Protein backbone atom coordinates (compact mmCIF):
# COMPACT_ATOMS: atom_id res chain seq x y z
CA MET A 1 0.00 0.00 0.00
CA LYS A 2 1.38 3.40 -0.95
CA VAL A 3 1.08 6.32 1.48
CA LEU A 4 2.09 9.82 0.36
CA PHE A 5 4.06 11.55 3.11
CA ASP A 6 5.42 14.56 1.28
CA THR A 7 6.62 15.88 -2.04
CA ARG A 8 10.29 16.86 -2.14
CA ARG A 9 12.54 18.52 -4.70
CA ILE A 10 15.72 16.74 -5.76
CA GLN A 11 18.73 18.69 -4.47
CA LYS A 12 22.18 19.12 -5.99
CA LEU A 13 24.12 15.87 -6.25
CA GLY A 14 20.81 14.00 -6.55
CA ARG A 15 19.96 14.22 -2.85
CA VAL A 16 16.47 13.94 -1.42
CA ALA A 17 15.93 14.69 2.27
CA LEU A 18 13.49 12.32 3.99
CA SER A 19 11.21 13.75 6.66
CA GLU A 20 11.62 12.82 10.31
CA GLN A 21 8.07 11.43 10.33
CA LEU A 22 8.78 9.17 7.36
CA LEU A 23 11.99 7.86 8.92
CA ARG A 24 10.21 7.25 12.24
CA ASN A 25 7.39 5.34 10.53
CA ALA A 26 9.96 3.27 8.61
CA GLY A 27 11.82 2.50 11.85
CA LEU A 28 14.96 4.26 10.62
CA GLU A 29 17.29 6.65 12.45
CA GLU A 30 20.23 8.83 11.48
CA GLY A 31 23.23 6.60 10.85
CA ASP A 32 21.20 3.50 9.90
CA GLN A 33 22.25 1.68 6.75
CA VAL A 34 19.73 1.21 3.95
CA ASP A 35 19.68 -0.74 0.70
CA ILE A 36 18.51 1.23 -2.34
CA TYR A 37 16.94 -0.62 -5.26
CA PHE A 38 15.68 0.57 -8.64
CA ASP A 39 12.88 -1.31 -10.39
CA ALA A 40 13.49 -0.64 -14.09
CA ILE A 41 10.02 -1.83 -15.11
CA THR A 42 8.00 0.42 -12.78
CA LYS A 43 10.69 3.17 -12.50
CA ARG A 44 10.40 3.03 -8.69
CA ILE A 45 13.14 3.61 -6.17
CA ILE A 46 12.88 1.34 -3.16
CA ILE A 47 14.67 2.06 0.13
CA GLU A 48 14.80 -0.71 2.73
CA PRO A 49 16.74 -1.24 5.93
CA ALA A 50 20.01 -2.94 5.00
CA ALA A 51 19.59 -6.72 4.93
CA GLN A 52 22.28 -7.10 7.56
CA VAL A 53 20.49 -4.64 9.87
CA ALA A 54 17.08 -6.23 9.28
CA GLU A 55 18.48 -9.63 10.25
CA GLN A 56 19.93 -8.18 13.47
CA VAL A 57 16.57 -6.64 14.41
CA ALA A 58 14.76 -9.91 13.70
CA SER A 59 17.29 -11.78 15.87
CA GLN A 60 16.84 -9.29 18.71
CA ASN A 61 13.07 -9.63 18.45
CA LEU A 62 13.31 -13.42 18.60
CA ALA A 63 15.67 -13.24 21.58
CA SER A 64 13.27 -10.95 23.43
CA GLY A 65 10.23 -13.06 22.50
CA ARG A 66 8.68 -10.41 20.23
CA LYS A 67 7.29 -11.16 16.78
CA ALA A 68 8.93 -9.47 13.79
């Protein structure tokens, strides 16, 4: 499901600043690593927590008895 948070202008060097609310909802913080994918068919850019980080979070959740 797509949810529109904001519309941003692309800055010099191709940068796009993500809002604090978007990062919070995605469970991301400053300094977190993300994987960036490009779907050539749909022309969509996909940003996900880095696979390594996602595995660590899942392991922590399992260790604490929480569901992922």
